[in-house]
Amino acid sequence: MNVEHYADAAISKIAAAIGEPARARMLYCLMDGHARTSTELSVVAEVSPATASVHLNRLRMERLVKVQAQGKHRFYSLDGLEVAGALEGLSVLAGGTRSKFVPSTPSRLRAARTCYDHLAGAVGVSLHDRFQALGWISAGAKDRAGAYELTIGGTRAFEALGIDIEMTRALRRRFACACLDWSERRPHVGGALGAAILKLALKRKWVVQDLDSRALGITNYGRREILNRFGLRV
């Protein structure tokens, strides 16, 4: 089989995977950037959970979706911007709009909470996105999925905040990684760096821990500091 025929065959397989209505509904549901479980996607696709698993395996084989384990749950999301771009192009041809993801998490937990020992919730996700926008963190090596590395500017910035980066790197755990957020279904910063950020936020009284839950309260001082230091309004 020559290269041209191989490309035609590959395109046909991807098109067939997208073209099945239940799988198409799953894919377009994930276009908002929020990951979902197979159970949630089975509801969207209007199929049984078992059938949804078969469909998701097919989508994974064609590299249209990826899966990430978080505790006992497995969350599915689109496998990259190229997939989203292809689906967006098909949407332009087909027309129509899609509803946005609306989380059902209690508001106190959704705003800010601990995820193991790092900051999660809407605030954690917003900080993750802001660190990327500021050029402080970047994707790590390709063979380390979800890993982050600090840029030179990021190292200086976090050290200026009072985080000992050398000591944080020396800990026997992943330095920094994307941790899929339970309520936002988008990543916040996990690993040793994520733990250091939460420790700093608690020490500086930017956030306070609830006595009886994982919820974190953002203090007025914390809101001012986050705005002044990161340009982020929470």
Protein backbone atom coordinates (compact mmCIF):
# COMPACT_ATOMS: atom_id res chain seq x y z
CA MET A 1 0.00 0.00 0.00
CA ASN A 2 1.52 3.35 -1.03
CA VAL A 3 1.58 6.42 1.20
CA GLU A 4 -1.38 8.04 -0.51
CA HIS A 5 -3.59 4.96 -0.12
CA TYR A 6 -2.46 4.59 3.52
CA ALA A 7 -3.53 8.18 4.21
CA ASP A 8 -6.89 7.57 2.54
CA ALA A 9 -7.46 4.49 4.67
CA ALA A 10 -6.51 6.30 7.86
CA ILE A 11 -8.86 9.18 7.06
CA SER A 12 -11.67 6.71 6.33
CA LYS A 13 -11.20 5.01 9.71
CA ILE A 14 -11.29 8.31 11.57
CA ALA A 15 -14.32 9.49 9.61
CA ALA A 16 -16.12 6.23 10.37
CA ALA A 17 -15.35 6.59 14.06
CA ILE A 18 -16.74 10.12 14.13
CA GLY A 19 -19.64 9.29 11.84
CA GLU A 20 -21.49 6.95 14.21
CA PRO A 21 -24.18 9.16 15.87
CA ALA A 22 -23.55 8.02 19.46
CA ARG A 23 -19.80 8.58 19.11
CA ALA A 24 -20.38 11.95 17.46
CA ARG A 25 -22.54 13.03 20.39
CA MET A 26 -19.77 12.00 22.80
CA LEU A 27 -17.12 13.90 20.88
CA TYR A 28 -19.12 17.08 20.58
CA CYS A 29 -20.03 16.89 24.24
CA LEU A 30 -16.27 17.02 24.99
CA MET A 31 -15.75 20.07 22.78
CA ASP A 32 -16.20 22.40 25.77
CA GLY A 33 -12.86 21.25 27.18
CA HIS A 34 -14.37 19.46 30.18
CA ALA A 35 -13.65 15.78 30.76
CA ARG A 36 -16.45 13.34 31.52
CA THR A 37 -16.86 9.80 32.76
CA SER A 38 -18.08 6.97 30.52
CA THR A 39 -21.33 6.95 32.51
CA GLU A 40 -21.92 10.63 31.79
CA LEU A 41 -21.08 10.09 28.13
CA SER A 42 -23.46 7.13 27.92
CA VAL A 43 -26.27 9.49 28.95
CA VAL A 44 -25.20 12.02 26.35
CA ALA A 45 -24.98 9.35 23.66
CA GLU A 46 -28.27 7.73 24.74
CA VAL A 47 -26.70 4.28 24.97
CA SER A 48 -26.06 1.81 27.80
CA PRO A 49 -22.84 2.14 29.86
CA ALA A 50 -21.51 -1.07 28.31
CA THR A 51 -22.13 0.22 24.78
CA ALA A 52 -20.56 3.54 25.72
CA SER A 53 -17.38 1.73 26.77
CA VAL A 54 -17.20 0.01 23.38
CA HIS A 55 -17.63 3.35 21.60
CA LEU A 56 -15.00 5.03 23.78
CA ASN A 57 -12.51 2.25 23.09
CA ARG A 58 -13.03 2.81 19.37
CA LEU A 59 -12.47 6.55 19.78
CA ARG A 60 -9.32 5.88 21.78
CA MET A 61 -7.99 3.53 19.08
CA GLU A 62 -8.36 6.31 16.53
CA ARG A 63 -6.71 8.79 18.95
CA LEU A 64 -9.80 10.97 19.10
CA VAL A 65 -10.15 10.79 22.88
CA LYS A 66 -7.79 10.13 25.77
CA VAL A 67 -8.53 8.86 29.25
CA GLN A 68 -7.15 9.89 32.62
CA ALA A 69 -7.66 7.99 35.87
CA GLN A 70 -8.55 10.10 38.89
CA GLY A 71 -9.08 7.94 41.97
CA LYS A 72 -11.68 5.30 41.11
CA HIS A 73 -13.00 7.28 38.16
CA ARG A 74 -11.81 7.44 34.55
CA PHE A 75 -12.35 10.72 32.73
CA TYR A 76 -12.42 11.09 28.95
CA SER A 77 -11.44 14.19 26.99
CA LEU A 78 -10.52 15.08 23.42
CA ASP A 79 -7.03 13.98 22.44
CA GLY A 80 -5.62 17.36 21.51
CA LEU A 81 -6.36 20.59 19.73
CA GLU A 82 -6.20 18.93 16.33
CA VAL A 83 -9.22 16.79 17.20
CA ALA A 84 -11.12 19.83 18.45
CA GLY A 85 -10.19 21.70 15.27
CA ALA A 86 -11.48 18.91 13.06
CA LEU A 87 -14.75 18.73 14.97
CA GLU A 88 -15.08 22.49 14.86
CA GLY A 89 -14.67 22.37 11.10
CA LEU A 90 -17.40 19.76 10.82
CA SER A 91 -19.62 21.94 13.01
CA VAL A 92 -19.18 24.81 10.59
CA LEU A 93 -20.35 22.58 7.76
CA ALA A 94 -23.25 21.12 9.74
CA GLY A 95 -24.29 24.25 11.66
CA GLY A 96 -25.90 24.20 15.11
CA THR A 97 -24.74 25.02 18.64
CA ARG A 98 -23.83 23.00 21.71
CA SER A 99 -24.80 23.59 25.33
CA LYS A 100 -22.11 24.34 27.89
CA PHE A 101 -20.99 22.06 30.70
CA VAL A 102 -22.80 22.92 33.94
CA PRO A 103 -21.22 21.27 37.00
CA SER A 104 -23.46 20.03 39.81
CA THR A 105 -20.79 20.32 42.51
CA PRO A 106 -21.83 22.29 45.63
CA SER A 107 -20.72 25.90 45.22
CA ARG A 108 -18.51 25.90 48.35
CA LEU A 109 -16.49 23.00 47.02
CA ARG A 110 -16.52 24.18 43.44
CA ALA A 111 -14.98 27.59 44.20
CA ALA A 112 -11.88 26.32 46.02
CA ARG A 113 -10.94 23.14 47.86
CA THR A 114 -8.06 20.83 48.54
CA CYS A 115 -7.30 17.94 46.18
CA TYR A 116 -5.02 15.75 48.24
CA ASP A 117 -2.45 18.41 49.15
CA HIS A 118 -2.92 20.92 46.35
CA LEU A 119 -5.38 23.66 45.37
CA ALA A 120 -8.39 22.66 43.29
CA GLY A 121 -11.72 24.07 42.19
CA ALA A 122 -12.38 27.11 40.02
CA VAL A 123 -9.55 29.05 41.70
CA GLY A 124 -7.05 26.23 41.19
CA VAL A 125 -7.97 25.86 37.52
CA SER A 126 -7.81 29.63 36.98
CA LEU A 127 -4.34 29.79 38.55
CA HIS A 128 -3.19 26.88 36.36
CA ASP A 129 -4.37 28.73 33.25
CA ARG A 130 -2.80 31.98 34.46
CA PHE A 131 0.57 30.33 35.10
CA GLN A 132 0.51 29.06 31.53
CA ALA A 133 -0.52 32.46 30.15
CA LEU A 134 2.30 34.14 32.08
CA GLY A 135 4.76 31.62 30.64
CA TRP A 136 5.72 30.22 34.06
CA ILE A 137 4.94 26.57 33.30
CA SER A 138 5.21 24.58 30.10
CA ALA A 139 4.64 20.99 28.99
CA GLY A 140 7.37 18.60 30.07
CA ALA A 141 8.97 15.78 28.08
CA LYS A 142 6.68 14.00 25.61
CA ASP A 143 7.27 10.65 27.33
CA ARG A 144 5.93 12.04 30.60
CA ALA A 145 2.23 12.66 29.93
CA GLY A 146 0.74 15.53 31.88
CA ALA A 147 4.08 16.65 33.32
CA TYR A 148 4.97 20.33 33.60
CA GLU A 149 8.32 22.05 33.76
CA LEU A 150 9.12 25.54 34.98
CA THR A 151 10.50 28.13 32.62
CA ILE A 152 13.35 30.35 33.76
CA GLY A 153 10.82 33.12 34.37
CA GLY A 154 8.56 30.72 36.25
CA THR A 155 11.39 29.58 38.51
CA ARG A 156 12.20 33.18 39.40
CA ALA A 157 8.54 34.06 39.92
CA PHE A 158 7.78 31.15 42.26
CA GLU A 159 10.98 31.71 44.20
CA ALA A 160 10.03 35.38 44.58
CA LEU A 161 6.76 34.20 46.13
CA GLY A 162 8.74 32.25 48.71
CA ILE A 163 8.69 28.73 47.22
CA ASP A 164 12.04 26.91 47.42
CA ILE A 165 12.11 25.33 43.97
CA GLU A 166 15.31 23.32 44.53
CA MET A 167 13.90 21.76 47.69
CA THR A 168 10.54 21.14 45.98
CA ARG A 169 12.30 19.31 43.13
CA ALA A 170 14.18 17.15 45.63
CA LEU A 171 10.99 15.66 47.06
CA ARG A 172 10.34 12.02 46.11
CA ARG A 173 7.29 12.69 43.97
CA ARG A 174 6.37 14.23 40.62
CA PHE A 175 7.50 17.83 40.54
CA ALA A 176 4.54 19.33 38.65
CA CYS A 177 1.73 17.81 36.65
CA ALA A 178 -1.78 18.40 35.34
CA CYS A 179 -4.36 17.06 37.79
CA LEU A 180 -7.84 16.80 36.30
CA ASP A 181 -10.23 18.86 38.41
CA TRP A 182 -13.26 16.99 39.73
CA SER A 183 -15.73 19.86 39.42
CA GLU A 184 -14.29 21.97 36.60
CA ARG A 185 -13.19 18.96 34.53
CA ARG A 186 -10.09 20.89 33.49
CA PRO A 187 -6.60 20.66 34.99
CA HIS A 188 -5.16 22.37 38.04
CA VAL A 189 -1.52 22.11 39.12
CA GLY A 190 -0.68 18.93 41.03
CA GLY A 191 2.52 17.35 42.27
CA ALA A 192 5.09 18.87 44.60
CA LEU A 193 4.70 22.32 43.04
CA GLY A 194 0.93 22.22 43.51
CA ALA A 195 1.41 21.26 47.16
CA ALA A 196 3.87 24.11 47.64
CA ILE A 197 1.42 26.61 46.15
CA LEU A 198 -1.36 25.49 48.52
CA LYS A 199 1.01 25.56 51.50
CA LEU A 200 2.00 29.11 50.57
CA ALA A 201 -1.64 30.20 50.13
CA LEU A 202 -2.55 28.81 53.57
CA LYS A 203 0.51 30.32 55.25
CA ARG A 204 -0.14 33.74 53.72
CA LYS A 205 -3.84 33.52 54.64
CA TRP A 206 -4.93 33.83 51.02
CA VAL A 207 -7.22 30.90 51.74
CA VAL A 208 -8.53 29.33 54.95
CA GLN A 209 -9.42 25.69 55.46
CA ASP A 210 -12.92 24.64 56.54
CA LEU A 211 -12.93 22.64 59.75
CA ASP A 212 -15.29 19.95 58.49
CA SER A 213 -14.71 19.68 54.73
CA ARG A 214 -12.19 20.09 51.93
CA ALA A 215 -13.61 23.50 51.07
CA LEU A 216 -11.28 26.50 51.13
CA GLY A 217 -12.47 30.04 51.71
CA ILE A 218 -10.80 32.85 49.75
CA THR A 219 -10.08 35.75 52.07
CA ASN A 220 -10.43 39.38 51.01
CA TYR A 221 -6.68 39.69 51.47
CA GLY A 222 -6.22 36.63 49.27
CA ARG A 223 -8.34 38.13 46.52
CA ARG A 224 -6.21 41.29 46.54
CA GLU A 225 -2.96 39.31 46.56
CA ILE A 226 -4.03 37.00 43.74
CA LEU A 227 -5.05 40.02 41.68
CA ASN A 228 -1.85 41.95 42.41
CA ARG A 229 0.56 39.07 41.98
CA PHE A 230 -1.06 37.12 39.13
CA GLY A 231 -3.44 39.60 37.52
CA LEU A 232 -6.28 37.21 38.28
CA ARG A 233 -9.63 38.31 39.70
CA VAL A 234 -11.33 35.60 41.80
